[in-house]
Amino acid sequence: ARTLRATDLPTTAHPATVAHLRRLAVVAE
């Protein structure tokens, strides 16, 4: 969680953004 929180949200491509959001969500869950 700490590693993911320290990583910026990718904004170059929506698929990369969604992938990062899903990693955040999976670890939170």
PDB file of all heavy atoms in Angstrom:
ATOM      1  N   ALA A   1       0.833  -1.206   0.000  1.00  0.00           N
ATOM      2  CA  ALA A   1       0.000   0.000   0.000  1.00  0.00           C
ATOM      3  C   ALA A   1       0.868   1.256   0.000  1.00  0.00           C
ATOM      4  O   ALA A   1       0.601   2.201  -0.754  1.00  0.00           O
ATOM      5  CB  ALA A   1      -0.922  -0.007   1.219  1.00  0.00           C
ATOM      6  N   ARG A   2       1.901   1.266   0.809  1.00  0.00           N
ATOM      7  CA  ARG A   2       2.785   2.440   0.869  1.00  0.00           C
ATOM      8  C   ARG A   2       3.494   2.661  -0.469  1.00  0.00           C
ATOM      9  O   ARG A   2       3.637   3.796  -0.921  1.00  0.00           O
ATOM     10  CB  ARG A   2       3.779   2.277   2.005  1.00  0.00           C
ATOM     11  CG  ARG A   2       3.118   2.432   3.357  1.00  0.00           C
ATOM     12  CD  ARG A   2       4.064   2.210   4.500  1.00  0.00           C
ATOM     13  NE  ARG A   2       3.349   2.431   5.763  1.00  0.00           N
ATOM     14  CZ  ARG A   2       3.765   1.962   6.911  1.00  0.00           C
ATOM     15  NH1 ARG A   2       4.882   1.260   7.016  1.00  0.00           N
ATOM     16  NH2 ARG A   2       3.053   2.207   8.014  1.00  0.00           N
ATOM     17  N   THR A   3       3.924   1.584  -1.099  1.00  0.00           N
ATOM     18  CA  THR A   3       4.586   1.699  -2.399  1.00  0.00           C
ATOM     19  C   THR A   3       3.618   2.247  -3.448  1.00  0.00           C
ATOM     20  O   THR A   3       3.963   3.164  -4.211  1.00  0.00           O
ATOM     21  CB  THR A   3       5.128   0.328  -2.853  1.00  0.00           C
ATOM     22  OG1 THR A   3       6.072  -0.131  -1.880  1.00  0.00           O
ATOM     23  CG2 THR A   3       5.787   0.414  -4.212  1.00  0.00           C
ATOM     24  N   LEU A   4       2.417   1.699  -3.479  1.00  0.00           N
ATOM     25  CA  LEU A   4       1.426   2.168  -4.451  1.00  0.00           C
ATOM     26  C   LEU A   4       1.029   3.618  -4.210  1.00  0.00           C
ATOM     27  O   LEU A   4       0.849   4.381  -5.168  1.00  0.00           O
ATOM     28  CB  LEU A   4       0.178   1.282  -4.405  1.00  0.00           C
ATOM     29  CG  LEU A   4       0.277  -0.041  -5.132  1.00  0.00           C
ATOM     30  CD1 LEU A   4      -0.937  -0.906  -4.821  1.00  0.00           C
ATOM     31  CD2 LEU A   4       0.399   0.181  -6.630  1.00  0.00           C
ATOM     32  N   ARG A   5       0.878   3.989  -2.944  1.00  0.00           N
ATOM     33  CA  ARG A   5       0.495   5.377  -2.649  1.00  0.00           C
ATOM     34  C   ARG A   5       1.565   6.365  -3.095  1.00  0.00           C
ATOM     35  O   ARG A   5       1.270   7.492  -3.459  1.00  0.00           O
ATOM     36  CB  ARG A   5       0.216   5.562  -1.155  1.00  0.00           C
ATOM     37  CG  ARG A   5      -1.105   5.024  -0.717  1.00  0.00           C
ATOM     38  CD  ARG A   5      -1.467   5.415   0.708  1.00  0.00           C
ATOM     39  NE  ARG A   5      -0.475   5.086   1.714  1.00  0.00           N
ATOM     40  CZ  ARG A   5       0.365   5.967   2.282  1.00  0.00           C
ATOM     41  NH1 ARG A   5       0.336   7.227   1.933  1.00  0.00           N
ATOM     42  NH2 ARG A   5       1.231   5.582   3.204  1.00  0.00           N
ATOM     43  N   ALA A   6       2.814   5.924  -3.065  1.00  0.00           N
ATOM     44  CA  ALA A   6       3.923   6.799  -3.450  1.00  0.00           C
ATOM     45  C   ALA A   6       4.079   6.907  -4.961  1.00  0.00           C
ATOM     46  O   ALA A   6       4.805   7.760  -5.449  1.00  0.00           O
ATOM     47  CB  ALA A   6       5.215   6.284  -2.833  1.00  0.00           C
ATOM     48  N   THR A   7       3.378   6.058  -5.700  1.00  0.00           N
ATOM     49  CA  THR A   7       3.467   6.054  -7.159  1.00  0.00           C
ATOM     50  C   THR A   7       2.419   6.998  -7.735  1.00  0.00           C
ATOM     51  O   THR A   7       1.244   6.934  -7.367  1.00  0.00           O
ATOM     52  CB  THR A   7       3.229   4.623  -7.695  1.00  0.00           C
ATOM     53  OG1 THR A   7       4.149   3.742  -7.065  1.00  0.00           O
ATOM     54  CG2 THR A   7       3.396   4.576  -9.197  1.00  0.00           C
ATOM     55  N   ASP A   8       2.856   7.862  -8.629  1.00  0.00           N
ATOM     56  CA  ASP A   8       1.923   8.791  -9.267  1.00  0.00           C
ATOM     57  C   ASP A   8       0.942   8.046 -10.162  1.00  0.00           C
ATOM     58  O   ASP A   8       1.284   7.023 -10.758  1.00  0.00           O
ATOM     59  CB  ASP A   8       2.675   9.827 -10.114  1.00  0.00           C
ATOM     60  CG  ASP A   8       3.468  10.799  -9.258  1.00  0.00           C
ATOM     61  OD1 ASP A   8       3.088  11.041  -8.101  1.00  0.00           O
ATOM     62  OD2 ASP A   8       4.484  11.313  -9.755  1.00  0.00           O
ATOM     63  N   LEU A   9      -0.245   8.585 -10.273  1.00  0.00           N
ATOM     64  CA  LEU A   9      -1.265   8.037 -11.155  1.00  0.00           C
ATOM     65  C   LEU A   9      -0.853   8.295 -12.600  1.00  0.00           C
ATOM     66  O   LEU A   9      -0.642   9.452 -12.989  1.00  0.00           O
ATOM     67  CB  LEU A   9      -2.620   8.685 -10.871  1.00  0.00           C
ATOM     68  CG  LEU A   9      -3.800   8.219 -11.699  1.00  0.00           C
ATOM     69  CD1 LEU A   9      -4.152   6.773 -11.328  1.00  0.00           C
ATOM     70  CD2 LEU A   9      -5.000   9.128 -11.471  1.00  0.00           C
ATOM     71  N   PRO A  10      -0.693   7.247 -13.408  1.00  0.00           N
ATOM     72  CA  PRO A  10      -0.346   7.471 -14.819  1.00  0.00           C
ATOM     73  C   PRO A  10      -1.472   8.235 -15.520  1.00  0.00           C
ATOM     74  O   PRO A  10      -2.643   7.917 -15.347  1.00  0.00           O
ATOM     75  CB  PRO A  10      -0.228   6.058 -15.396  1.00  0.00           C
ATOM     76  CG  PRO A  10      -0.138   5.141 -14.234  1.00  0.00           C
ATOM     77  CD  PRO A  10      -0.811   5.833 -13.089  1.00  0.00           C
ATOM     78  N   THR A  11      -1.110   9.223 -16.270  1.00  0.00           N
ATOM     79  CA  THR A  11      -2.124  10.021 -16.973  1.00  0.00           C
ATOM     80  C   THR A  11      -1.919  10.019 -18.476  1.00  0.00           C
ATOM     81  O   THR A  11      -2.650  10.685 -19.196  1.00  0.00           O
ATOM     82  CB  THR A  11      -2.105  11.479 -16.467  1.00  0.00           C
ATOM     83  OG1 THR A  11      -0.787  12.003 -16.628  1.00  0.00           O
ATOM     84  CG2 THR A  11      -2.528  11.565 -15.009  1.00  0.00           C
ATOM     85  N   THR A  12      -0.918   9.256 -18.940  1.00  0.00           N
ATOM     86  CA  THR A  12      -0.631   9.258 -20.373  1.00  0.00           C
ATOM     87  C   THR A  12      -1.634   8.438 -21.169  1.00  0.00           C
ATOM     88  O   THR A  12      -1.965   8.787 -22.291  1.00  0.00           O
ATOM     89  CB  THR A  12       0.786   8.713 -20.637  1.00  0.00           C
ATOM     90  OG1 THR A  12       0.908   7.433 -20.020  1.00  0.00           O
ATOM     91  CG2 THR A  12       1.837   9.655 -20.087  1.00  0.00           C
ATOM     92  N   ALA A  13      -2.105   7.336 -20.588  1.00  0.00           N
ATOM     93  CA  ALA A  13      -3.066   6.484 -21.292  1.00  0.00           C
ATOM     94  C   ALA A  13      -4.083   5.963 -20.279  1.00  0.00           C
ATOM     95  O   ALA A  13      -3.719   5.556 -19.180  1.00  0.00           O
ATOM     96  CB  ALA A  13      -2.349   5.323 -21.970  1.00  0.00           C
ATOM     97  N   HIS A  14      -5.346   5.997 -20.669  1.00  0.00           N
ATOM     98  CA  HIS A  14      -6.390   5.567 -19.745  1.00  0.00           C
ATOM     99  C   HIS A  14      -6.223   4.117 -19.289  1.00  0.00           C
ATOM    100  O   HIS A  14      -6.443   3.837 -18.106  1.00  0.00           O
ATOM    101  CB  HIS A  14      -7.776   5.814 -20.342  1.00  0.00           C
ATOM    102  CG  HIS A  14      -8.890   5.617 -19.362  1.00  0.00           C
ATOM    103  ND1 HIS A  14      -8.983   6.338 -18.185  1.00  0.00           N
ATOM    104  CD2 HIS A  14      -9.948   4.768 -19.361  1.00  0.00           C
ATOM    105  CE1 HIS A  14     -10.045   5.938 -17.513  1.00  0.00           C
ATOM    106  NE2 HIS A  14     -10.657   4.990 -18.208  1.00  0.00           N
ATOM    107  N   PRO A  15      -5.810   3.178 -20.145  1.00  0.00           N
ATOM    108  CA  PRO A  15      -5.616   1.806 -19.655  1.00  0.00           C
ATOM    109  C   PRO A  15      -4.582   1.723 -18.521  1.00  0.00           C
ATOM    110  O   PRO A  15      -4.749   0.960 -17.578  1.00  0.00           O
ATOM    111  CB  PRO A  15      -5.166   1.033 -20.893  1.00  0.00           C
ATOM    112  CG  PRO A  15      -5.756   1.786 -22.038  1.00  0.00           C
ATOM    113  CD  PRO A  15      -5.689   3.230 -21.616  1.00  0.00           C
ATOM    114  N   ALA A  16      -3.508   2.517 -18.606  1.00  0.00           N
ATOM    115  CA  ALA A  16      -2.498   2.525 -17.536  1.00  0.00           C
ATOM    116  C   ALA A  16      -3.078   3.130 -16.257  1.00  0.00           C
ATOM    117  O   ALA A  16      -2.790   2.668 -15.145  1.00  0.00           O
ATOM    118  CB  ALA A  16      -1.267   3.299 -17.982  1.00  0.00           C
ATOM    119  N   THR A  17      -3.909   4.138 -16.419  1.00  0.00           N
ATOM    120  CA  THR A  17      -4.564   4.764 -15.267  1.00  0.00           C
ATOM    121  C   THR A  17      -5.476   3.758 -14.571  1.00  0.00           C
ATOM    122  O   THR A  17      -5.437   3.613 -13.354  1.00  0.00           O
ATOM    123  CB  THR A  17      -5.383   5.998 -15.718  1.00  0.00           C
ATOM    124  OG1 THR A  17      -4.513   6.916 -16.368  1.00  0.00           O
ATOM    125  CG2 THR A  17      -6.069   6.671 -14.551  1.00  0.00           C
ATOM    126  N   VAL A  18      -6.280   3.057 -15.351  1.00  0.00           N
ATOM    127  CA  VAL A  18      -7.202   2.065 -14.792  1.00  0.00           C
ATOM    128  C   VAL A  18      -6.430   0.934 -14.122  1.00  0.00           C
ATOM    129  O   VAL A  18      -6.803   0.473 -13.033  1.00  0.00           O
ATOM    130  CB  VAL A  18      -8.164   1.515 -15.882  1.00  0.00           C
ATOM    131  CG1 VAL A  18      -8.972   0.338 -15.362  1.00  0.00           C
ATOM    132  CG2 VAL A  18      -9.083   2.629 -16.371  1.00  0.00           C
ATOM    133  N   ALA A  19      -5.331   0.508 -14.733  1.00  0.00           N
ATOM    134  CA  ALA A  19      -4.521  -0.560 -14.140  1.00  0.00           C
ATOM    135  C   ALA A  19      -3.985  -0.132 -12.775  1.00  0.00           C
ATOM    136  O   ALA A  19      -4.007  -0.914 -11.819  1.00  0.00           O
ATOM    137  CB  ALA A  19      -3.372  -0.934 -15.074  1.00  0.00           C
ATOM    138  N   HIS A  20      -3.535   1.108 -12.662  1.00  0.00           N
ATOM    139  CA  HIS A  20      -3.031   1.601 -11.370  1.00  0.00           C
ATOM    140  C   HIS A  20      -4.168   1.685 -10.344  1.00  0.00           C
ATOM    141  O   HIS A  20      -3.994   1.285  -9.191  1.00  0.00           O
ATOM    142  CB  HIS A  20      -2.352   2.963 -11.541  1.00  0.00           C
ATOM    143  CG  HIS A  20      -1.727   3.467 -10.288  1.00  0.00           C
ATOM    144  ND1 HIS A  20      -0.575   2.926  -9.769  1.00  0.00           N
ATOM    145  CD2 HIS A  20      -2.110   4.438  -9.429  1.00  0.00           C
ATOM    146  CE1 HIS A  20      -0.260   3.558  -8.649  1.00  0.00           C
ATOM    147  NE2 HIS A  20      -1.180   4.477  -8.422  1.00  0.00           N
ATOM    148  N   LEU A  21      -5.317   2.185 -10.778  1.00  0.00           N
ATOM    149  CA  LEU A  21      -6.474   2.257  -9.875  1.00  0.00           C
ATOM    150  C   LEU A  21      -6.845   0.860  -9.373  1.00  0.00           C
ATOM    151  O   LEU A  21      -7.150   0.678  -8.185  1.00  0.00           O
ATOM    152  CB  LEU A  21      -7.680   2.882 -10.587  1.00  0.00           C
ATOM    153  CG  LEU A  21      -7.622   4.380 -10.849  1.00  0.00           C
ATOM    154  CD1 LEU A  21      -8.803   4.803 -11.710  1.00  0.00           C
ATOM    155  CD2 LEU A  21      -7.602   5.162  -9.544  1.00  0.00           C
ATOM    156  N   ARG A  22      -6.798  -0.111 -10.262  1.00  0.00           N
ATOM    157  CA  ARG A  22      -7.145  -1.478  -9.871  1.00  0.00           C
ATOM    158  C   ARG A  22      -6.123  -2.047  -8.894  1.00  0.00           C
ATOM    159  O   ARG A  22      -6.491  -2.774  -7.969  1.00  0.00           O
ATOM    160  CB  ARG A  22      -7.306  -2.359 -11.103  1.00  0.00           C
ATOM    161  CG  ARG A  22      -8.569  -1.969 -11.859  1.00  0.00           C
ATOM    162  CD  ARG A  22      -9.077  -3.049 -12.763  1.00  0.00           C
ATOM    163  NE  ARG A  22     -10.411  -2.661 -13.214  1.00  0.00           N
ATOM    164  CZ  ARG A  22     -10.783  -2.652 -14.477  1.00  0.00           C
ATOM    165  NH1 ARG A  22      -9.962  -3.040 -15.421  1.00  0.00           N
ATOM    166  NH2 ARG A  22     -12.008  -2.277 -14.803  1.00  0.00           N
ATOM    167  N   ARG A  23      -4.850  -1.732  -9.075  1.00  0.00           N
ATOM    168  CA  ARG A  23      -3.846  -2.188  -8.102  1.00  0.00           C
ATOM    169  C   ARG A  23      -4.126  -1.580  -6.732  1.00  0.00           C
ATOM    170  O   ARG A  23      -4.053  -2.267  -5.706  1.00  0.00           O
ATOM    171  CB  ARG A  23      -2.436  -1.839  -8.588  1.00  0.00           C
ATOM    172  CG  ARG A  23      -1.924  -2.767  -9.676  1.00  0.00           C
ATOM    173  CD  ARG A  23      -0.450  -2.566  -9.959  1.00  0.00           C
ATOM    174  NE  ARG A  23      -0.155  -1.271 -10.558  1.00  0.00           N
ATOM    175  CZ  ARG A  23      -0.221  -1.004 -11.859  1.00  0.00           C
ATOM    176  NH1 ARG A  23      -0.579  -1.951 -12.704  1.00  0.00           N
ATOM    177  NH2 ARG A  23       0.074   0.191 -12.310  1.00  0.00           N
ATOM    178  N   LEU A  24      -4.452  -0.287  -6.700  1.00  0.00           N
ATOM    179  CA  LEU A  24      -4.808   0.362  -5.435  1.00  0.00           C
ATOM    180  C   LEU A  24      -6.014  -0.332  -4.791  1.00  0.00           C
ATOM    181  O   LEU A  24      -6.018  -0.622  -3.593  1.00  0.00           O
ATOM    182  CB  LEU A  24      -5.138   1.847  -5.658  1.00  0.00           C
ATOM    183  CG  LEU A  24      -3.997   2.801  -5.971  1.00  0.00           C
ATOM    184  CD1 LEU A  24      -4.541   4.132  -6.479  1.00  0.00           C
ATOM    185  CD2 LEU A  24      -3.129   3.022  -4.738  1.00  0.00           C
ATOM    186  N   ALA A  25      -7.026  -0.608  -5.613  1.00  0.00           N
ATOM    187  CA  ALA A  25      -8.261  -1.221  -5.108  1.00  0.00           C
ATOM    188  C   ALA A  25      -8.026  -2.642  -4.611  1.00  0.00           C
ATOM    189  O   ALA A  25      -8.567  -3.035  -3.569  1.00  0.00           O
ATOM    190  CB  ALA A  25      -9.334  -1.205  -6.194  1.00  0.00           C
ATOM    191  N   VAL A  26      -7.235  -3.413  -5.346  1.00  0.00           N
ATOM    192  CA  VAL A  26      -6.979  -4.802  -4.953  1.00  0.00           C
ATOM    193  C   VAL A  26      -6.235  -4.858  -3.625  1.00  0.00           C
ATOM    194  O   VAL A  26      -6.566  -5.661  -2.744  1.00  0.00           O
ATOM    195  CB  VAL A  26      -6.215  -5.544  -6.079  1.00  0.00           C
ATOM    196  CG1 VAL A  26      -5.625  -6.845  -5.583  1.00  0.00           C
ATOM    197  CG2 VAL A  26      -7.145  -5.794  -7.257  1.00  0.00           C
ATOM    198  N   VAL A  27      -5.255  -3.995  -3.439  1.00  0.00           N
ATOM    199  CA  VAL A  27      -4.512  -3.983  -2.170  1.00  0.00           C
ATOM    200  C   VAL A  27      -5.418  -3.501  -1.037  1.00  0.00           C
ATOM    201  O   VAL A  27      -5.394  -4.058   0.062  1.00  0.00           O
ATOM    202  CB  VAL A  27      -3.230  -3.134  -2.282  1.00  0.00           C
ATOM    203  CG1 VAL A  27      -2.577  -2.934  -0.922  1.00  0.00           C
ATOM    204  CG2 VAL A  27      -2.250  -3.798  -3.239  1.00  0.00           C
ATOM    205  N   ALA A  28      -6.246  -2.484  -1.307  1.00  0.00           N
ATOM    206  CA  ALA A  28      -7.174  -2.009  -0.273  1.00  0.00           C
ATOM    207  C   ALA A  28      -8.142  -3.121   0.128  1.00  0.00           C
ATOM    208  O   ALA A  28      -8.397  -3.332   1.326  1.00  0.00           O
ATOM    209  CB  ALA A  28      -7.943  -0.781  -0.783  1.00  0.00           C
ATOM    210  N   GLU A  29      -8.664  -3.836  -0.860  1.00  0.00           N
ATOM    211  CA  GLU A  29      -9.593  -4.926  -0.567  1.00  0.00           C
ATOM    212  C   GLU A  29      -8.909  -6.035   0.226  1.00  0.00           C
ATOM    213  O   GLU A  29      -9.444  -6.534   1.220  1.00  0.00           O
ATOM    214  CB  GLU A  29     -10.175  -5.486  -1.863  1.00  0.00           C
ATOM    215  CG  GLU A  29     -11.186  -6.598  -1.637  1.00  0.00           C
ATOM    216  CD  GLU A  29     -11.764  -7.118  -2.937  1.00  0.00           C
ATOM    217  OE1 GLU A  29     -11.016  -7.257  -3.925  1.00  0.00           O
ATOM    218  OE2 GLU A  29     -12.970  -7.398  -2.958  1.00  0.00           O
TER     219      GLU A  29
END
